[in-house]
């Protein structure tokens, strides 16, 4: 036994000399660092986002539901902090945004703006006819927040802005991709009308892009954005067609090309796509199935990661992160910490969705996504 320990120690010592980052990864394999809602009374915890603060702490905010597990139950925006790179987290929730909506506030996006301030985006849901994304700004590292500004002022309706979705382009423009599902006097439609709202004055005022062309009337929902190295903005969307759908804008989000099918298998479930700062590659987190498992288009397992080295044209290093056949994994938030990655996502049992929806924070080495 002592001899084996000596070999392990010597091996690790040599690795540390040759490749210190790999040695650190061996010490810190993928691990769940926080499990919110597995125990406790509140029925649902979901749709969060990370922000790294200037004092070294990390804030994770999420939708904490109290009145039920459905999208229209009472909820507020809660926050937890980490002071050690995401290894441990505060035990109690801090109220980031109280429930200022007739139904709830939910679905958080943080964004560090180019002027150094922090933007917070969330949905304020008053009724089935009125769900509107709002923005607040903090100039003191998330200690206090400005009064909310509505992203949408040109019409009233039920707009969906997913968590961890808003981006800022190199020129300063903010882009918020939304899906409109209902206006007063009309029935709710699963086929969303897709727009990007954009701001060129740090969020003080917002304008609407052209509607995403959808001549084949595909069911489109929950859009997300990534800025490509060419300057093209790529949008991805969940559908019921067994794959993720895509569109592109070549004018900073003003106009969009006709939506088309990708070759990324997917149920009717959202994907998350971010650029890896360390490598410049793209990281995709999604449910790698075509929706045909048990005939359920919303079957959200396994939770899978893949990397693209060619701006999303192809995907490699496909890796399962969660593979419970009864699992329900979705709405992933992503944060990069040099050689490590933090993920936050719903991690429920699909048979218990009406009773309990926990949320998991997972810490991984960047190296794991390239294995």
Protein backbone atom coordinates (compact mmCIF):
# COMPACT_ATOMS: atom_id res chain seq x y z
CA UNK A 1 0.00 0.00 0.00
CA UNK A 2 2.79 2.47 0.90
CA UNK A 3 4.60 1.55 -2.34
CA UNK A 4 1.45 2.29 -4.39
CA UNK A 5 1.00 5.62 -2.67
CA UNK A 6 4.61 6.48 -3.46
CA UNK A 7 4.06 5.72 -7.16
CA UNK A 8 0.93 7.93 -7.18
CA UNK A 9 2.78 10.76 -5.46
CA UNK A 10 5.78 10.57 -7.79
CA UNK A 11 3.49 10.36 -10.84
CA UNK A 12 1.52 13.40 -9.76
CA UNK A 13 4.75 15.28 -8.97
CA UNK A 14 6.06 14.64 -12.50
CA UNK A 15 2.74 15.67 -14.07
CA UNK A 16 2.78 18.85 -12.02
CA UNK A 17 6.22 19.74 -13.40
CA UNK A 18 5.36 18.93 -17.03
CA UNK A 19 1.73 20.14 -17.09
CA UNK A 20 0.56 22.06 -14.00
CA UNK A 21 -2.93 22.68 -15.41
CA UNK A 22 -3.48 18.95 -15.95
CA UNK A 23 -2.35 18.28 -12.40
CA UNK A 24 -4.94 20.74 -11.14
CA UNK A 25 -7.62 19.03 -13.22
CA UNK A 26 -6.73 15.66 -11.69
CA UNK A 27 -7.21 17.18 -8.26
CA UNK A 28 -10.55 18.76 -9.27
CA UNK A 29 -12.61 16.38 -11.42
CA UNK A 30 -16.18 17.18 -12.43
CA UNK A 31 -18.26 17.58 -9.31
CA UNK A 32 -21.63 18.88 -8.16
CA UNK A 33 -20.77 21.85 -5.95
CA UNK A 34 -24.30 22.90 -5.04
CA UNK A 35 -27.67 21.16 -5.12
CA UNK A 36 -30.54 23.62 -4.65
CA UNK A 37 -34.01 22.38 -3.88
CA UNK A 38 -33.34 18.68 -3.47
CA UNK A 39 -34.51 19.15 0.08
CA UNK A 40 -36.78 21.92 1.31
CA UNK A 41 -40.30 23.16 0.78
CA UNK A 42 -40.13 25.22 -2.41
CA UNK A 43 -41.20 23.20 -5.45
CA UNK A 44 -38.99 24.58 -8.24
CA UNK A 45 -35.53 26.11 -8.71
CA UNK A 46 -34.46 26.91 -12.26
CA UNK A 47 -33.25 29.27 -15.06
CA UNK A 48 -30.18 30.92 -13.56
CA UNK A 49 -27.05 32.84 -14.55
CA UNK A 50 -23.55 33.49 -13.17
CA UNK A 51 -21.61 36.74 -12.78
CA UNK A 52 -18.00 37.01 -11.62
CA UNK A 53 -17.53 39.98 -9.30
CA UNK A 54 -14.44 42.18 -9.08
CA UNK A 55 -13.67 41.09 -5.52
CA UNK A 56 -13.25 37.49 -6.69
CA UNK A 57 -16.65 36.22 -5.63
CA UNK A 58 -19.15 34.59 -7.98
CA UNK A 59 -22.88 35.34 -7.80
CA UNK A 60 -25.35 32.80 -9.12
CA UNK A 61 -28.95 34.02 -9.39
CA UNK A 62 -31.91 31.83 -10.28
CA UNK A 63 -35.71 31.58 -10.35
CA UNK A 64 -36.98 30.38 -6.97
CA UNK A 65 -40.61 29.29 -7.12
CA UNK A 66 -42.76 29.19 -4.01
CA UNK A 67 -46.35 28.78 -5.22
CA UNK A 68 -45.94 25.72 -7.43
CA UNK A 69 -43.70 24.18 -10.09
CA UNK A 70 -45.39 25.60 -13.19
CA UNK A 71 -44.19 28.58 -15.24
CA UNK A 72 -46.96 30.82 -13.87
CA UNK A 73 -46.50 30.12 -10.14
CA UNK A 74 -45.19 32.71 -7.70
CA UNK A 75 -41.39 33.19 -7.88
CA UNK A 76 -38.61 35.65 -7.14
CA UNK A 77 -34.95 35.98 -8.19
CA UNK A 78 -32.70 34.44 -5.52
CA UNK A 79 -28.90 34.53 -5.27
CA UNK A 80 -26.04 32.49 -3.79
CA UNK A 81 -22.36 33.52 -3.55
CA UNK A 82 -19.06 31.66 -3.78
CA UNK A 83 -15.76 33.05 -2.50
CA UNK A 84 -13.55 30.13 -3.56
CA UNK A 85 -14.00 29.78 -7.31
CA UNK A 86 -17.31 27.96 -7.12
CA UNK A 87 -16.22 25.13 -4.82
CA UNK A 88 -18.55 26.13 -1.98
CA UNK A 89 -21.59 28.42 -1.85
CA UNK A 90 -23.52 30.40 0.73
CA UNK A 91 -26.27 28.40 2.39
CA UNK A 92 -29.08 30.94 2.35
CA UNK A 93 -30.72 32.72 -0.55
CA UNK A 94 -30.42 36.46 -0.96
CA UNK A 95 -33.32 38.24 -2.67
CA UNK A 96 -31.95 39.79 -5.86
CA UNK A 97 -35.34 40.82 -7.30
CA UNK A 98 -38.51 40.39 -5.26
CA UNK A 99 -41.71 39.24 -6.91
CA UNK A 100 -42.77 42.49 -8.55
CA UNK A 101 -45.00 40.73 -11.10
CA UNK A 102 -48.65 39.73 -10.88
CA UNK A 103 -47.47 36.12 -11.24
CA UNK A 104 -43.68 36.04 -10.88
CA UNK A 105 -40.25 37.22 -11.90
CA UNK A 106 -38.00 34.56 -13.43
CA UNK A 107 -35.38 33.59 -16.02
CA UNK A 108 -32.15 35.43 -15.19
CA UNK A 109 -29.39 36.70 -17.49
CA UNK A 110 -26.32 38.47 -16.12
CA UNK A 111 -23.96 40.37 -18.41
CA UNK A 112 -20.77 42.29 -17.63
CA UNK A 113 -21.04 45.37 -19.84
CA UNK A 114 -18.13 46.99 -21.63
CA UNK A 115 -18.25 49.99 -19.30
CA UNK A 116 -17.66 47.69 -16.31
CA UNK A 117 -21.20 47.75 -14.93
CA UNK A 118 -23.35 44.63 -14.51
CA UNK A 119 -26.64 44.18 -16.33
CA UNK A 120 -29.39 41.96 -14.95
CA UNK A 121 -32.19 40.77 -17.24
CA UNK A 122 -35.31 38.90 -16.15
CA UNK A 123 -38.94 38.33 -17.12
CA UNK A 124 -41.71 40.06 -15.20
CA UNK A 125 -44.90 38.03 -15.63
CA UNK A 126 -48.14 39.79 -14.76
CA UNK A 127 -50.63 37.61 -16.65
CA UNK A 128 -50.96 35.25 -19.59
CA UNK A 129 -51.19 38.37 -21.77
CA UNK A 130 -48.27 40.21 -20.19
CA UNK A 131 -44.80 38.71 -19.78
CA UNK A 132 -42.09 41.29 -20.43
CA UNK A 133 -38.29 41.22 -20.11
CA UNK A 134 -36.76 43.94 -17.93
CA UNK A 135 -33.21 45.17 -17.37
CA UNK A 136 -31.50 46.60 -14.28
CA UNK A 137 -27.95 47.94 -13.95
CA UNK A 138 -25.54 47.76 -11.02
CA UNK A 139 -22.56 50.12 -10.72
CA UNK A 140 -21.43 48.70 -7.37
CA UNK A 141 -20.88 45.00 -8.16
CA UNK A 142 -24.43 43.76 -7.57
CA UNK A 143 -24.88 45.48 -4.21
CA UNK A 144 -27.65 47.76 -5.51
CA UNK A 145 -29.63 47.87 -8.74
CA UNK A 146 -31.20 50.61 -10.83
CA UNK A 147 -34.91 50.90 -11.43
CA UNK A 148 -36.10 48.39 -14.06
CA UNK A 149 -36.28 49.37 -17.73
CA UNK A 150 -38.63 47.47 -20.00
CA UNK A 151 -36.87 45.98 -23.02
CA UNK A 152 -40.16 45.95 -24.92
CA UNK A 153 -42.14 49.18 -25.15
CA UNK A 154 -43.69 48.96 -28.63
CA UNK A 155 -46.27 46.26 -27.89
CA UNK A 156 -47.79 44.23 -25.07
CA UNK A 157 -47.78 40.46 -25.05
CA UNK A 158 -46.30 37.27 -23.65
CA UNK A 159 -42.58 37.42 -24.50
CA UNK A 160 -40.06 34.74 -23.53
CA UNK A 161 -36.41 35.69 -22.93
CA UNK A 162 -34.50 32.61 -21.79
CA UNK A 163 -31.95 32.64 -19.01
CA UNK A 164 -28.28 33.36 -19.75
CA UNK A 165 -29.11 34.68 -23.21
CA UNK A 166 -28.35 38.43 -23.65
CA UNK A 167 -25.10 39.34 -25.45
CA UNK A 168 -23.13 42.52 -26.19
CA UNK A 169 -21.41 42.98 -29.54
CA UNK A 170 -17.89 44.44 -29.86
CA UNK A 171 -19.38 47.77 -30.96
CA UNK A 172 -21.46 47.97 -27.77
CA UNK A 173 -24.87 46.90 -29.06
CA UNK A 174 -26.95 44.78 -26.69
CA UNK A 175 -29.02 41.98 -28.22
CA UNK A 176 -31.90 40.25 -26.43
CA UNK A 177 -33.53 37.40 -28.43
CA UNK A 178 -37.22 36.93 -27.62
CA UNK A 179 -40.17 34.80 -28.65
CA UNK A 180 -43.68 36.31 -28.69
CA UNK A 181 -46.41 33.74 -28.00
CA UNK A 182 -49.55 35.71 -27.19
CA UNK A 183 -51.17 39.12 -27.40
CA UNK A 184 -54.44 40.18 -25.80
CA UNK A 185 -57.48 38.72 -27.53
CA UNK A 186 -55.51 35.91 -29.20
CA UNK A 187 -54.91 32.32 -28.11
CA UNK A 188 -51.50 31.26 -26.88
CA UNK A 189 -49.42 29.89 -29.77
CA UNK A 190 -46.65 27.35 -29.40
CA UNK A 191 -45.18 28.81 -32.59
CA UNK A 192 -43.36 31.88 -31.32
CA UNK A 193 -42.75 34.99 -33.39
CA UNK A 194 -39.01 35.55 -33.05
CA UNK A 195 -37.34 38.96 -32.73
CA UNK A 196 -34.18 40.52 -31.39
CA UNK A 197 -34.56 43.67 -29.34
CA UNK A 198 -31.41 45.77 -29.46
CA UNK A 199 -30.00 48.78 -27.62
CA UNK A 200 -27.19 51.09 -28.71
CA UNK A 201 -27.27 53.25 -25.56
CA UNK A 202 -26.40 50.74 -22.81
CA UNK A 203 -29.98 49.65 -22.33
CA UNK A 204 -31.69 53.00 -21.90
CA UNK A 205 -33.83 52.48 -25.01
CA UNK A 206 -34.58 49.42 -27.11
CA UNK A 207 -35.71 48.79 -30.70
CA UNK A 208 -37.13 45.70 -32.39
CA UNK A 209 -35.48 43.86 -35.27
CA UNK A 210 -37.39 42.41 -38.19
CA UNK A 211 -39.27 39.22 -37.40
CA UNK A 212 -37.33 36.03 -38.11
CA UNK A 213 -38.57 34.68 -41.48
CA UNK A 214 -40.39 31.38 -40.94
CA UNK A 215 -42.27 30.63 -44.21
CA UNK A 216 -42.69 26.92 -43.38
CA UNK A 217 -44.33 27.84 -40.06
CA UNK A 218 -42.01 25.73 -37.95
CA UNK A 219 -42.72 25.77 -34.21
CA UNK A 220 -39.94 28.10 -33.01
CA UNK A 221 -39.24 28.85 -29.35
CA UNK A 222 -36.58 30.11 -26.92
CA UNK A 223 -33.96 31.71 -29.19
CA UNK A 224 -30.32 32.17 -28.23
CA UNK A 225 -27.40 34.05 -29.81
CA UNK A 226 -23.68 33.77 -30.34
CA UNK A 227 -21.39 36.20 -32.16
CA UNK A 228 -19.14 34.48 -34.71
CA UNK A 229 -15.58 35.55 -35.52
CA UNK A 230 -16.73 36.81 -38.93
CA UNK A 231 -19.15 39.26 -37.32
CA UNK A 232 -22.17 37.14 -38.20
CA UNK A 233 -24.68 36.65 -35.38
CA UNK A 234 -25.97 33.08 -35.20
CA UNK A 235 -29.33 32.33 -33.62
CA UNK A 236 -30.40 28.88 -32.47
CA UNK A 237 -33.94 27.83 -31.50
CA UNK A 238 -35.77 24.90 -30.02
CA UNK A 239 -38.42 23.25 -32.20
CA UNK A 240 -40.52 20.09 -32.41
CA UNK A 241 -38.74 18.91 -35.59
CA UNK A 242 -36.13 16.69 -33.90
CA UNK A 243 -33.23 19.14 -34.36
CA UNK A 244 -32.23 22.63 -33.33
CA UNK A 245 -33.01 25.30 -35.93
CA UNK A 246 -30.70 28.16 -36.94
CA UNK A 247 -30.67 31.61 -38.51
CA UNK A 248 -28.02 34.28 -39.14
CA UNK A 249 -27.82 38.04 -39.13
CA UNK A 250 -25.13 39.94 -41.04
CA UNK A 251 -26.10 43.40 -39.85
CA UNK A 252 -25.76 43.20 -36.04
CA UNK A 253 -29.22 41.76 -35.47
CA UNK A 254 -31.36 44.15 -37.53
CA UNK A 255 -32.42 41.56 -40.12
CA UNK A 256 -32.38 37.77 -40.15
CA UNK A 257 -32.15 35.04 -42.77
CA UNK A 258 -34.84 32.43 -43.16
CA UNK A 259 -34.70 29.84 -40.38
CA UNK A 260 -33.32 26.42 -41.33
CA UNK A 261 -32.71 23.02 -39.76
CA UNK A 262 -29.32 22.17 -38.27
CA UNK A 263 -27.91 18.66 -37.90
CA UNK A 264 -27.96 18.90 -34.08
CA UNK A 265 -30.44 16.28 -32.78
CA UNK A 266 -32.73 17.80 -30.18
CA UNK A 267 -36.11 17.32 -28.55
CA UNK A 268 -38.33 20.33 -27.89
CA UNK A 269 -35.81 21.62 -25.39
CA UNK A 270 -33.47 24.64 -25.19
CA UNK A 271 -29.77 24.48 -25.98
CA UNK A 272 -27.00 26.69 -24.56
CA UNK A 273 -24.11 27.89 -26.70
CA UNK A 274 -21.11 29.97 -25.58
CA UNK A 275 -17.62 30.81 -26.80
CA UNK A 276 -14.80 29.41 -24.65
CA UNK A 277 -12.47 32.36 -23.83
CA UNK A 278 -9.42 30.15 -23.29
CA UNK A 279 -9.54 28.40 -26.69
CA UNK A 280 -11.86 30.48 -28.86
CA UNK A 281 -13.95 27.39 -29.63
CA UNK A 282 -17.71 27.10 -29.15
CA UNK A 283 -19.25 25.01 -26.36
CA UNK A 284 -22.72 23.52 -26.82
CA UNK A 285 -24.79 22.08 -23.95
CA UNK A 286 -28.05 20.37 -24.95
CA UNK A 287 -30.14 17.21 -24.86
CA UNK A 288 -28.66 14.90 -27.48
CA UNK A 289 -31.75 13.05 -28.67
CA UNK A 290 -34.14 13.70 -31.55
CA UNK A 291 -37.30 13.73 -29.45
CA UNK A 292 -38.36 10.22 -30.40
CA UNK A 293 -37.59 8.55 -27.05
CA UNK A 294 -40.91 7.05 -25.89
CA UNK A 295 -42.52 9.34 -28.45
CA UNK A 296 -42.02 12.37 -26.20
CA UNK A 297 -40.76 15.49 -27.96
CA UNK A 298 -39.87 17.13 -24.63
CA UNK A 299 -37.80 14.23 -23.25
CA UNK A 300 -34.81 16.16 -21.85
CA UNK A 301 -32.06 13.63 -21.35
CA UNK A 302 -29.15 13.04 -21.69
CA UNK A 303 -27.48 16.37 -20.95
CA UNK A 304 -24.62 16.52 -23.42
CA UNK A 305 -21.68 18.77 -24.25
CA UNK A 306 -19.84 19.22 -27.55
CA UNK A 307 -17.13 21.51 -28.89
CA UNK A 308 -16.87 23.19 -32.28
CA UNK A 309 -13.57 24.39 -33.71
CA UNK A 310 -15.15 25.70 -36.93
CA UNK A 311 -17.74 28.21 -35.66
CA UNK A 312 -20.55 25.70 -35.28
CA UNK A 313 -20.28 23.93 -38.64
CA UNK A 314 -19.38 20.64 -36.96
CA UNK A 315 -19.24 19.30 -33.40
CA UNK A 316 -16.69 17.03 -31.76
CA UNK A 317 -15.76 15.75 -28.28
CA UNK A 318 -19.39 14.79 -27.61
CA UNK A 319 -19.63 14.06 -23.89
CA UNK A 320 -22.58 13.06 -21.68
CA UNK A 321 -22.79 15.08 -18.49
CA UNK A 322 -26.01 13.53 -17.16
CA UNK A 323 -27.61 10.37 -18.54
CA UNK A 324 -30.37 9.33 -16.12
CA UNK A 325 -33.10 7.93 -18.43
CA UNK A 326 -35.73 9.47 -16.12
CA UNK A 327 -33.84 12.75 -15.86
CA UNK A 328 -35.00 16.18 -16.95
CA UNK A 329 -31.95 18.40 -17.57
CA UNK A 330 -32.22 21.82 -19.18
CA UNK A 331 -31.85 25.64 -19.04
CA UNK A 332 -28.11 25.55 -18.57
CA UNK A 333 -26.12 28.60 -17.45
CA UNK A 334 -22.41 28.64 -18.34
CA UNK A 335 -19.51 30.53 -16.76
CA UNK A 336 -15.80 30.19 -17.59
CA UNK A 337 -13.10 30.50 -14.91
CA UNK A 338 -9.82 30.32 -16.81
CA UNK A 339 -9.24 26.52 -16.95
CA UNK A 340 -12.55 25.62 -15.29
CA UNK A 341 -16.24 25.82 -16.17
CA UNK A 342 -19.31 26.29 -14.00
CA UNK A 343 -22.65 24.95 -15.19
CA UNK A 344 -26.04 25.57 -13.59
CA UNK A 345 -29.08 23.61 -14.78
CA UNK A 346 -32.39 22.05 -13.82
CA UNK A 347 -31.79 18.47 -12.69
CA UNK A 348 -35.17 16.93 -12.03
CA UNK A 349 -36.86 13.57 -12.33
CA UNK A 350 -39.40 13.84 -15.14
CA UNK A 351 -41.91 11.79 -13.13
CA UNK A 352 -41.81 14.33 -10.28
CA UNK A 353 -41.91 17.63 -12.19
CA UNK A 354 -45.14 18.75 -10.54
CA UNK A 355 -43.71 18.23 -7.06
CA UNK A 356 -39.98 18.98 -7.13
CA UNK A 357 -37.54 20.59 -9.58
CA UNK A 358 -34.03 20.90 -8.12
CA UNK A 359 -31.16 22.86 -9.63
CA UNK A 360 -27.54 21.69 -9.84
CA UNK A 361 -24.30 23.67 -10.03
CA UNK A 362 -21.51 21.58 -11.52
CA UNK A 363 -17.83 22.50 -11.71
CA UNK A 364 -15.66 20.96 -14.42
CA UNK A 365 -12.18 21.38 -15.77
CA UNK A 366 -12.04 22.79 -19.29
CA UNK A 367 -9.89 19.79 -20.22
CA UNK A 368 -12.89 17.47 -19.64
CA UNK A 369 -14.75 18.99 -22.59
CA UNK A 370 -11.88 18.06 -24.91
CA UNK A 371 -11.54 14.42 -23.86
